[in-house]
Amino acid sequence: MDELREYQVNVGIHLSHHRLKILEYLTKHRTHPTVDIIYKNLSKEIHTLSKTTIYKHDTIKVFTSKGIVQELTMEEKEVRYDADTTQHAHFHTLL
């Protein structure tokens, strides 16, 4: 958690508990979650969290604009997020 705080300070992002927890979730879960998945999992731990906090209050926008998280459009209406910003391939399997 301290490393994430330091990283956010170094890239000039306002620190908040919610932002730290969202970034921590993204770095620990390499499943390329959607905002809904992030919310579903973190809202169990953070009762004051809302989808608005994650998406509309610019948390995800700030992370993507600063290059901390990359946005992946896997399907036409489904956006996912990846904290691994190194160059690597993404595959989508259809069941």
PDB file of N, CA and C in Angstrom:
ATOM      1  N   MET A   1       0.828  -1.194   0.000  1.00  0.00           N
ATOM      2  CA  MET A   1       0.000   0.000   0.000  1.00  0.00           C
ATOM      3  C   MET A   1       0.869   1.254   0.000  1.00  0.00           C
ATOM      4  N   ASP A   2       1.976   1.233   0.741  1.00  0.00           N
ATOM      5  CA  ASP A   2       2.869   2.390   0.769  1.00  0.00           C
ATOM      6  C   ASP A   2       3.473   2.659  -0.607  1.00  0.00           C
ATOM      7  N   GLU A   3       3.806   1.585  -1.339  1.00  0.00           N
ATOM      8  CA  GLU A   3       4.348   1.751  -2.686  1.00  0.00           C
ATOM      9  C   GLU A   3       3.330   2.417  -3.605  1.00  0.00           C
ATOM     10  N   LEU A   4       2.071   2.040  -3.474  1.00  0.00           N
ATOM     11  CA  LEU A   4       1.031   2.644  -4.299  1.00  0.00           C
ATOM     12  C   LEU A   4       0.849   4.113  -3.956  1.00  0.00           C
ATOM     13  N   ARG A   5       0.904   4.444  -2.666  1.00  0.00           N
ATOM     14  CA  ARG A   5       0.805   5.855  -2.247  1.00  0.00           C
ATOM     15  C   ARG A   5       1.945   6.673  -2.852  1.00  0.00           C
ATOM     16  N   GLU A   6       3.153   6.154  -2.743  1.00  0.00           N
ATOM     17  CA  GLU A   6       4.317   6.856  -3.268  1.00  0.00           C
ATOM     18  C   GLU A   6       4.202   7.029  -4.780  1.00  0.00           C
ATOM     19  N   TYR A   7       3.742   5.997  -5.462  1.00  0.00           N
ATOM     20  CA  TYR A   7       3.580   6.058  -6.909  1.00  0.00           C
ATOM     21  C   TYR A   7       2.568   7.135  -7.293  1.00  0.00           C
ATOM     22  N   GLN A   8       1.448   7.196  -6.582  1.00  0.00           N
ATOM     23  CA  GLN A   8       0.434   8.205  -6.888  1.00  0.00           C
ATOM     24  C   GLN A   8       0.978   9.616  -6.670  1.00  0.00           C
ATOM     25  N   VAL A   9       1.748   9.801  -5.618  1.00  0.00           N
ATOM     26  CA  VAL A   9       2.345  11.113  -5.359  1.00  0.00           C
ATOM     27  C   VAL A   9       3.309  11.469  -6.484  1.00  0.00           C
ATOM     28  N   ASN A  10       4.121  10.512  -6.913  1.00  0.00           N
ATOM     29  CA  ASN A  10       5.110  10.769  -7.964  1.00  0.00           C
ATOM     30  C   ASN A  10       4.481  11.148  -9.299  1.00  0.00           C
ATOM     31  N   VAL A  11       3.303  10.626  -9.602  1.00  0.00           N
ATOM     32  CA  VAL A  11       2.648  10.970 -10.873  1.00  0.00           C
ATOM     33  C   VAL A  11       1.655  12.113 -10.712  1.00  0.00           C
ATOM     34  N   GLY A  12       1.543  12.661  -9.525  1.00  0.00           N
ATOM     35  CA  GLY A  12       0.722  13.841  -9.289  1.00  0.00           C
ATOM     36  C   GLY A  12      -0.767  13.586  -9.196  1.00  0.00           C
ATOM     37  N   ILE A  13      -1.150  12.534  -8.511  1.00  0.00           N
ATOM     38  CA  ILE A  13      -2.561  12.209  -8.343  1.00  0.00           C
ATOM     39  C   ILE A  13      -2.969  12.490  -6.905  1.00  0.00           C
ATOM     40  N   HIS A  14      -4.159  13.071  -6.746  1.00  0.00           N
ATOM     41  CA  HIS A  14      -4.717  13.306  -5.412  1.00  0.00           C
ATOM     42  C   HIS A  14      -4.933  11.961  -4.724  1.00  0.00           C
ATOM     43  N   LEU A  15      -4.445  11.839  -3.530  1.00  0.00           N
ATOM     44  CA  LEU A  15      -4.584  10.592  -2.780  1.00  0.00           C
ATOM     45  C   LEU A  15      -5.932  10.526  -2.078  1.00  0.00           C
ATOM     46  N   SER A  16      -6.564   9.400  -2.180  1.00  0.00           N
ATOM     47  CA  SER A  16      -7.777   9.142  -1.410  1.00  0.00           C
ATOM     48  C   SER A  16      -7.794   7.650  -1.105  1.00  0.00           C
ATOM     49  N   HIS A  17      -8.498   7.299  -0.072  1.00  0.00           N
ATOM     50  CA  HIS A  17      -8.593   5.886   0.308  1.00  0.00           C
ATOM     51  C   HIS A  17      -9.205   5.065  -0.829  1.00  0.00           C
ATOM     52  N   HIS A  18     -10.260   5.590  -1.437  1.00  0.00           N
ATOM     53  CA  HIS A  18     -10.928   4.861  -2.511  1.00  0.00           C
ATOM     54  C   HIS A  18      -9.998   4.630  -3.696  1.00  0.00           C
ATOM     55  N   ARG A  19      -9.280   5.665  -4.100  1.00  0.00           N
ATOM     56  CA  ARG A  19      -8.356   5.513  -5.239  1.00  0.00           C
ATOM     57  C   ARG A  19      -7.260   4.505  -4.944  1.00  0.00           C
ATOM     58  N   LEU A  20      -6.729   4.555  -3.743  1.00  0.00           N
ATOM     59  CA  LEU A  20      -5.693   3.580  -3.383  1.00  0.00           C
ATOM     60  C   LEU A  20      -6.222   2.152  -3.433  1.00  0.00           C
ATOM     61  N   LYS A  21      -7.411   1.945  -2.927  1.00  0.00           N
ATOM     62  CA  LYS A  21      -7.992   0.597  -2.918  1.00  0.00           C
ATOM     63  C   LYS A  21      -8.314   0.117  -4.335  1.00  0.00           C
ATOM     64  N   ILE A  22      -8.769   1.019  -5.191  1.00  0.00           N
ATOM     65  CA  ILE A  22      -9.057   0.646  -6.581  1.00  0.00           C
ATOM     66  C   ILE A  22      -7.763   0.266  -7.291  1.00  0.00           C
ATOM     67  N   LEU A  23      -6.724   1.059  -7.123  1.00  0.00           N
ATOM     68  CA  LEU A  23      -5.447   0.749  -7.754  1.00  0.00           C
ATOM     69  C   LEU A  23      -4.860  -0.534  -7.184  1.00  0.00           C
ATOM     70  N   GLU A  24      -4.957  -0.718  -5.891  1.00  0.00           N
ATOM     71  CA  GLU A  24      -4.481  -1.953  -5.270  1.00  0.00           C
ATOM     72  C   GLU A  24      -5.226  -3.166  -5.851  1.00  0.00           C
ATOM     73  N   TYR A  25      -6.525  -3.038  -6.010  1.00  0.00           N
ATOM     74  CA  TYR A  25      -7.318  -4.129  -6.590  1.00  0.00           C
ATOM     75  C   TYR A  25      -6.843  -4.447  -8.014  1.00  0.00           C
ATOM     76  N   LEU A  26      -6.641  -3.410  -8.802  1.00  0.00           N
ATOM     77  CA  LEU A  26      -6.209  -3.617 -10.186  1.00  0.00           C
ATOM     78  C   LEU A  26      -4.819  -4.244 -10.285  1.00  0.00           C
ATOM     79  N   THR A  27      -3.942  -3.905  -9.361  1.00  0.00           N
ATOM     80  CA  THR A  27      -2.603  -4.490  -9.406  1.00  0.00           C
ATOM     81  C   THR A  27      -2.579  -5.929  -8.915  1.00  0.00           C
ATOM     82  N   LYS A  28      -3.508  -6.284  -8.044  1.00  0.00           N
ATOM     83  CA  LYS A  28      -3.556  -7.649  -7.511  1.00  0.00           C
ATOM     84  C   LYS A  28      -4.380  -8.604  -8.367  1.00  0.00           C
ATOM     85  N   HIS A  29      -5.355  -8.087  -9.094  1.00  0.00           N
ATOM     86  CA  HIS A  29      -6.259  -8.930  -9.881  1.00  0.00           C
ATOM     87  C   HIS A  29      -6.010  -8.686 -11.363  1.00  0.00           C
ATOM     88  N   ARG A  30      -5.316  -9.602 -11.976  1.00  0.00           N
ATOM     89  CA  ARG A  30      -4.907  -9.465 -13.382  1.00  0.00           C
ATOM     90  C   ARG A  30      -5.964  -9.999 -14.351  1.00  0.00           C
ATOM     91  N   THR A  31      -7.229  -9.912 -13.957  1.00  0.00           N
ATOM     92  CA  THR A  31      -8.318 -10.469 -14.761  1.00  0.00           C
ATOM     93  C   THR A  31      -8.934  -9.434 -15.696  1.00  0.00           C
ATOM     94  N   HIS A  32      -8.358  -8.236 -15.758  1.00  0.00           N
ATOM     95  CA  HIS A  32      -8.871  -7.163 -16.594  1.00  0.00           C
ATOM     96  C   HIS A  32     -10.339  -6.876 -16.270  1.00  0.00           C
ATOM     97  N   PRO A  33     -10.611  -6.449 -15.037  1.00  0.00           N
ATOM     98  CA  PRO A  33     -11.999  -6.255 -14.606  1.00  0.00           C
ATOM     99  C   PRO A  33     -12.664  -5.040 -15.235  1.00  0.00           C
ATOM    100  N   THR A  34     -13.982  -5.080 -15.258  1.00  0.00           N
ATOM    101  CA  THR A  34     -14.796  -3.925 -15.644  1.00  0.00           C
ATOM    102  C   THR A  34     -15.039  -3.091 -14.387  1.00  0.00           C
ATOM    103  N   VAL A  35     -15.622  -1.920 -14.552  1.00  0.00           N
ATOM    104  CA  VAL A  35     -15.990  -1.094 -13.398  1.00  0.00           C
ATOM    105  C   VAL A  35     -16.967  -1.860 -12.512  1.00  0.00           C
ATOM    106  N   ASP A  36     -17.919  -2.577 -13.126  1.00  0.00           N
ATOM    107  CA  ASP A  36     -18.888  -3.353 -12.342  1.00  0.00           C
ATOM    108  C   ASP A  36     -18.208  -4.415 -11.487  1.00  0.00           C
ATOM    109  N   ILE A  37     -17.210  -5.081 -12.042  1.00  0.00           N
ATOM    110  CA  ILE A  37     -16.488  -6.121 -11.290  1.00  0.00           C
ATOM    111  C   ILE A  37     -15.694  -5.485 -10.148  1.00  0.00           C
ATOM    112  N   ILE A  38     -15.029  -4.381 -10.433  1.00  0.00           N
ATOM    113  CA  ILE A  38     -14.272  -3.681  -9.386  1.00  0.00           C
ATOM    114  C   ILE A  38     -15.222  -3.288  -8.255  1.00  0.00           C
ATOM    115  N   TYR A  39     -16.338  -2.688  -8.627  1.00  0.00           N
ATOM    116  CA  TYR A  39     -17.321  -2.262  -7.625  1.00  0.00           C
ATOM    117  C   TYR A  39     -17.840  -3.441  -6.809  1.00  0.00           C
ATOM    118  N   LYS A  40     -18.237  -4.495  -7.481  1.00  0.00           N
ATOM    119  CA  LYS A  40     -18.797  -5.671  -6.798  1.00  0.00           C
ATOM    120  C   LYS A  40     -17.829  -6.213  -5.752  1.00  0.00           C
ATOM    121  N   ASN A  41     -16.565  -6.287  -6.085  1.00  0.00           N
ATOM    122  CA  ASN A  41     -15.583  -6.848  -5.168  1.00  0.00           C
ATOM    123  C   ASN A  41     -15.152  -5.888  -4.071  1.00  0.00           C
ATOM    124  N   LEU A  42     -14.967  -4.632  -4.389  1.00  0.00           N
ATOM    125  CA  LEU A  42     -14.512  -3.679  -3.367  1.00  0.00           C
ATOM    126  C   LEU A  42     -15.626  -3.173  -2.467  1.00  0.00           C
ATOM    127  N   SER A  43     -16.863  -3.176  -2.939  1.00  0.00           N
ATOM    128  CA  SER A  43     -17.954  -2.658  -2.111  1.00  0.00           C
ATOM    129  C   SER A  43     -18.205  -3.535  -0.888  1.00  0.00           C
ATOM    130  N   LYS A  44     -17.753  -4.769  -0.932  1.00  0.00           N
ATOM    131  CA  LYS A  44     -17.854  -5.650   0.242  1.00  0.00           C
ATOM    132  C   LYS A  44     -16.956  -5.151   1.369  1.00  0.00           C
ATOM    133  N   GLU A  45     -15.838  -4.560   0.973  1.00  0.00           N
ATOM    134  CA  GLU A  45     -14.849  -4.068   1.933  1.00  0.00           C
ATOM    135  C   GLU A  45     -15.053  -2.585   2.262  1.00  0.00           C
ATOM    136  N   ILE A  46     -15.458  -1.808   1.258  1.00  0.00           N
ATOM    137  CA  ILE A  46     -15.625  -0.365   1.417  1.00  0.00           C
ATOM    138  C   ILE A  46     -17.099  -0.038   1.189  1.00  0.00           C
ATOM    139  N   HIS A  47     -17.827   0.099   2.255  1.00  0.00           N
ATOM    140  CA  HIS A  47     -19.269   0.288   2.167  1.00  0.00           C
ATOM    141  C   HIS A  47     -19.678   1.637   1.588  1.00  0.00           C
ATOM    142  N   THR A  48     -18.773   2.604   1.586  1.00  0.00           N
ATOM    143  CA  THR A  48     -19.086   3.922   1.043  1.00  0.00           C
ATOM    144  C   THR A  48     -18.720   4.046  -0.440  1.00  0.00           C
ATOM    145  N   LEU A  49     -18.210   2.993  -1.026  1.00  0.00           N
ATOM    146  CA  LEU A  49     -17.813   3.004  -2.432  1.00  0.00           C
ATOM    147  C   LEU A  49     -19.047   2.943  -3.326  1.00  0.00           C
ATOM    148  N   SER A  50     -18.993   3.684  -4.421  1.00  0.00           N
ATOM    149  CA  SER A  50     -20.074   3.632  -5.409  1.00  0.00           C
ATOM    150  C   SER A  50     -19.449   3.518  -6.798  1.00  0.00           C
ATOM    151  N   LYS A  51     -20.247   3.112  -7.759  1.00  0.00           N
ATOM    152  CA  LYS A  51     -19.752   3.062  -9.138  1.00  0.00           C
ATOM    153  C   LYS A  51     -19.378   4.463  -9.601  1.00  0.00           C
ATOM    154  N   THR A  52     -20.091   5.449  -9.102  1.00  0.00           N
ATOM    155  CA  THR A  52     -19.802   6.837  -9.447  1.00  0.00           C
ATOM    156  C   THR A  52     -18.391   7.207  -9.000  1.00  0.00           C
ATOM    157  N   THR A  53     -17.989   6.757  -7.828  1.00  0.00           N
ATOM    158  CA  THR A  53     -16.633   7.028  -7.335  1.00  0.00           C
ATOM    159  C   THR A  53     -15.597   6.435  -8.276  1.00  0.00           C
ATOM    160  N   ILE A  54     -15.854   5.240  -8.750  1.00  0.00           N
ATOM    161  CA  ILE A  54     -14.891   4.563  -9.620  1.00  0.00           C
ATOM    162  C   ILE A  54     -14.860   5.198 -11.003  1.00  0.00           C
ATOM    163  N   TYR A  55     -16.015   5.426 -11.573  1.00  0.00           N
ATOM    164  CA  TYR A  55     -16.066   5.838 -12.971  1.00  0.00           C
ATOM    165  C   TYR A  55     -16.281   7.337 -13.166  1.00  0.00           C
ATOM    166  N   LYS A  56     -17.346   7.862 -12.652  1.00  0.00           N
ATOM    167  CA  LYS A  56     -17.698   9.247 -12.960  1.00  0.00           C
ATOM    168  C   LYS A  56     -16.898  10.280 -12.183  1.00  0.00           C
ATOM    169  N   HIS A  57     -16.311   9.908 -11.077  1.00  0.00           N
ATOM    170  CA  HIS A  57     -15.486  10.867 -10.340  1.00  0.00           C
ATOM    171  C   HIS A  57     -14.042  10.817 -10.792  1.00  0.00           C
ATOM    172  N   ASP A  58     -13.853  10.363 -11.991  1.00  0.00           N
ATOM    173  CA  ASP A  58     -12.564  10.435 -12.691  1.00  0.00           C
ATOM    174  C   ASP A  58     -11.471   9.514 -12.166  1.00  0.00           C
ATOM    175  N   THR A  59     -11.772   8.607 -11.275  1.00  0.00           N
ATOM    176  CA  THR A  59     -10.722   7.716 -10.793  1.00  0.00           C
ATOM    177  C   THR A  59     -10.113   6.948 -11.956  1.00  0.00           C
ATOM    178  N   ILE A  60     -10.940   6.266 -12.720  1.00  0.00           N
ATOM    179  CA  ILE A  60     -10.433   5.487 -13.853  1.00  0.00           C
ATOM    180  C   ILE A  60      -9.859   6.405 -14.927  1.00  0.00           C
ATOM    181  N   LYS A  61     -10.504   7.542 -15.182  1.00  0.00           N
ATOM    182  CA  LYS A  61     -10.001   8.487 -16.183  1.00  0.00           C
ATOM    183  C   LYS A  61      -8.626   9.016 -15.803  1.00  0.00           C
ATOM    184  N   VAL A  62      -8.452   9.346 -14.527  1.00  0.00           N
ATOM    185  CA  VAL A  62      -7.154   9.841 -14.058  1.00  0.00           C
ATOM    186  C   VAL A  62      -6.095   8.747 -14.201  1.00  0.00           C
ATOM    187  N   PHE A  63      -6.426   7.538 -13.796  1.00  0.00           N
ATOM    188  CA  PHE A  63      -5.468   6.437 -13.905  1.00  0.00           C
ATOM    189  C   PHE A  63      -5.059   6.196 -15.357  1.00  0.00           C
ATOM    190  N   THR A  64      -6.008   6.226 -16.278  1.00  0.00           N
ATOM    191  CA  THR A  64      -5.670   5.990 -17.680  1.00  0.00           C
ATOM    192  C   THR A  64      -4.903   7.169 -18.276  1.00  0.00           C
ATOM    193  N   SER A  65      -5.289   8.385 -17.927  1.00  0.00           N
ATOM    194  CA  SER A  65      -4.598   9.555 -18.489  1.00  0.00           C
ATOM    195  C   SER A  65      -3.156   9.670 -17.996  1.00  0.00           C
ATOM    196  N   LYS A  66      -2.894   9.188 -16.796  1.00  0.00           N
ATOM    197  CA  LYS A  66      -1.532   9.222 -16.249  1.00  0.00           C
ATOM    198  C   LYS A  66      -0.723   7.988 -16.644  1.00  0.00           C
ATOM    199  N   GLY A  67      -1.353   7.060 -17.372  1.00  0.00           N
ATOM    200  CA  GLY A  67      -0.633   5.869 -17.826  1.00  0.00           C
ATOM    201  C   GLY A  67      -0.444   4.818 -16.748  1.00  0.00           C
ATOM    202  N   ILE A  68      -1.221   4.905 -15.684  1.00  0.00           N
ATOM    203  CA  ILE A  68      -1.130   3.941 -14.589  1.00  0.00           C
ATOM    204  C   ILE A  68      -1.913   2.684 -14.927  1.00  0.00           C
ATOM    205  N   VAL A  69      -2.995   2.870 -15.656  1.00  0.00           N
ATOM    206  CA  VAL A  69      -3.900   1.778 -16.032  1.00  0.00           C
ATOM    207  C   VAL A  69      -4.210   1.932 -17.513  1.00  0.00           C
ATOM    208  N   GLN A  70      -4.328   0.813 -18.208  1.00  0.00           N
ATOM    209  CA  GLN A  70      -4.747   0.913 -19.595  1.00  0.00           C
ATOM    210  C   GLN A  70      -6.173   0.420 -19.761  1.00  0.00           C
ATOM    211  N   GLU A  71      -6.862   1.063 -20.676  1.00  0.00           N
ATOM    212  CA  GLU A  71      -8.255   0.736 -20.948  1.00  0.00           C
ATOM    213  C   GLU A  71      -8.299  -0.235 -22.124  1.00  0.00           C
ATOM    214  N   LEU A  72      -9.056  -1.305 -21.965  1.00  0.00           N
ATOM    215  CA  LEU A  72      -9.167  -2.326 -23.001  1.00  0.00           C
ATOM    216  C   LEU A  72     -10.619  -2.452 -23.428  1.00  0.00           C
ATOM    217  N   THR A  73     -10.878  -2.289 -24.701  1.00  0.00           N
ATOM    218  CA  THR A  73     -12.222  -2.506 -25.209  1.00  0.00           C
ATOM    219  C   THR A  73     -12.236  -3.887 -25.842  1.00  0.00           C
ATOM    220  N   MET A  74     -12.774  -4.839 -25.097  1.00  0.00           N
ATOM    221  CA  MET A  74     -12.765  -6.229 -25.538  1.00  0.00           C
ATOM    222  C   MET A  74     -13.969  -6.536 -26.433  1.00  0.00           C
ATOM    223  N   GLU A  75     -15.081  -5.957 -26.119  1.00  0.00           N
ATOM    224  CA  GLU A  75     -16.290  -6.087 -26.912  1.00  0.00           C
ATOM    225  C   GLU A  75     -16.848  -4.694 -27.093  1.00  0.00           C
ATOM    226  N   GLU A  76     -17.772  -4.546 -27.989  1.00  0.00           N
ATOM    227  CA  GLU A  76     -18.274  -3.226 -28.349  1.00  0.00           C
ATOM    228  C   GLU A  76     -18.676  -2.375 -27.145  1.00  0.00           C
ATOM    229  N   LYS A  77     -19.352  -2.951 -26.182  1.00  0.00           N
ATOM    230  CA  LYS A  77     -19.845  -2.172 -25.049  1.00  0.00           C
ATOM    231  C   LYS A  77     -19.212  -2.573 -23.726  1.00  0.00           C
ATOM    232  N   GLU A  78     -18.072  -3.233 -23.784  1.00  0.00           N
ATOM    233  CA  GLU A  78     -17.441  -3.698 -22.549  1.00  0.00           C
ATOM    234  C   GLU A  78     -16.014  -3.182 -22.466  1.00  0.00           C
ATOM    235  N   VAL A  79     -15.781  -2.321 -21.486  1.00  0.00           N
ATOM    236  CA  VAL A  79     -14.444  -1.765 -21.272  1.00  0.00           C
ATOM    237  C   VAL A  79     -13.872  -2.402 -20.020  1.00  0.00           C
ATOM    238  N   ARG A  80     -12.637  -2.854 -20.126  1.00  0.00           N
ATOM    239  CA  ARG A  80     -11.946  -3.469 -19.002  1.00  0.00           C
ATOM    240  C   ARG A  80     -10.668  -2.690 -18.735  1.00  0.00           C
ATOM    241  N   TYR A  81     -10.062  -2.949 -17.565  1.00  0.00           N
ATOM    242  CA  TYR A  81      -8.895  -2.178 -17.158  1.00  0.00           C
ATOM    243  C   TYR A  81      -7.753  -3.095 -16.737  1.00  0.00           C
ATOM    244  N   ASP A  82      -6.543  -2.664 -17.063  1.00  0.00           N
ATOM    245  CA  ASP A  82      -5.350  -3.459 -16.804  1.00  0.00           C
ATOM    246  C   ASP A  82      -4.285  -2.565 -16.177  1.00  0.00           C
ATOM    247  N   ALA A  83      -3.801  -2.940 -15.008  1.00  0.00           N
ATOM    248  CA  ALA A  83      -2.759  -2.165 -14.332  1.00  0.00           C
ATOM    249  C   ALA A  83      -1.369  -2.484 -14.874  1.00  0.00           C
ATOM    250  N   ASP A  84      -1.255  -3.524 -15.684  1.00  0.00           N
ATOM    251  CA  ASP A  84       0.021  -3.858 -16.328  1.00  0.00           C
ATOM    252  C   ASP A  84       0.093  -3.066 -17.625  1.00  0.00           C
ATOM    253  N   THR A  85       0.829  -1.976 -17.600  1.00  0.00           N
ATOM    254  CA  THR A  85       0.885  -1.096 -18.761  1.00  0.00           C
ATOM    255  C   THR A  85       2.056  -1.405 -19.689  1.00  0.00           C
ATOM    256  N   THR A  86       2.767  -2.491 -19.403  1.00  0.00           N
ATOM    257  CA  THR A  86       3.820  -2.893 -20.322  1.00  0.00           C
ATOM    258  C   THR A  86       3.182  -3.437 -21.593  1.00  0.00           C
ATOM    259  N   GLN A  87       3.950  -3.439 -22.661  1.00  0.00           N
ATOM    260  CA  GLN A  87       3.408  -3.933 -23.921  1.00  0.00           C
ATOM    261  C   GLN A  87       3.239  -5.454 -23.836  1.00  0.00           C
ATOM    262  N   HIS A  88       2.010  -5.905 -24.000  1.00  0.00           N
ATOM    263  CA  HIS A  88       1.712  -7.339 -23.996  1.00  0.00           C
ATOM    264  C   HIS A  88       0.388  -7.572 -24.704  1.00  0.00           C
ATOM    265  N   ALA A  89       0.181  -8.789 -25.125  1.00  0.00           N
ATOM    266  CA  ALA A  89      -1.019  -9.128 -25.901  1.00  0.00           C
ATOM    267  C   ALA A  89      -2.184  -9.444 -24.983  1.00  0.00           C
ATOM    268  N   HIS A  90      -3.373  -9.237 -25.515  1.00  0.00           N
ATOM    269  CA  HIS A  90      -4.613  -9.601 -24.822  1.00  0.00           C
ATOM    270  C   HIS A  90      -5.432 -10.481 -25.751  1.00  0.00           C
ATOM    271  N   PHE A  91      -5.921 -11.553 -25.216  1.00  0.00           N
ATOM    272  CA  PHE A  91      -6.745 -12.466 -25.991  1.00  0.00           C
ATOM    273  C   PHE A  91      -8.115 -12.577 -25.348  1.00  0.00           C
ATOM    274  N   HIS A  92      -9.102 -12.670 -26.173  1.00  0.00           N
ATOM    275  CA  HIS A  92     -10.473 -12.827 -25.683  1.00  0.00           C
ATOM    276  C   HIS A  92     -11.002 -14.137 -26.250  1.00  0.00           C
ATOM    277  N   THR A  93     -11.339 -15.037 -25.371  1.00  0.00           N
ATOM    278  CA  THR A  93     -11.857 -16.324 -25.825  1.00  0.00           C
ATOM    279  C   THR A  93     -13.377 -16.329 -25.779  1.00  0.00           C
ATOM    280  N   LEU A  94     -13.961 -16.900 -26.757  1.00  0.00           N
ATOM    281  CA  LEU A  94     -15.415 -17.024 -26.804  1.00  0.00           C
ATOM    282  C   LEU A  94     -15.784 -18.419 -26.394  1.00  0.00           C
ATOM    283  N   LEU A  95     -16.758 -18.522 -25.526  1.00  0.00           N
ATOM    284  CA  LEU A  95     -17.198 -19.839 -25.066  1.00  0.00           C
ATOM    285  C   LEU A  95     -18.404 -20.302 -25.836  1.00  0.00           C
TER     286      LEU A  95
END
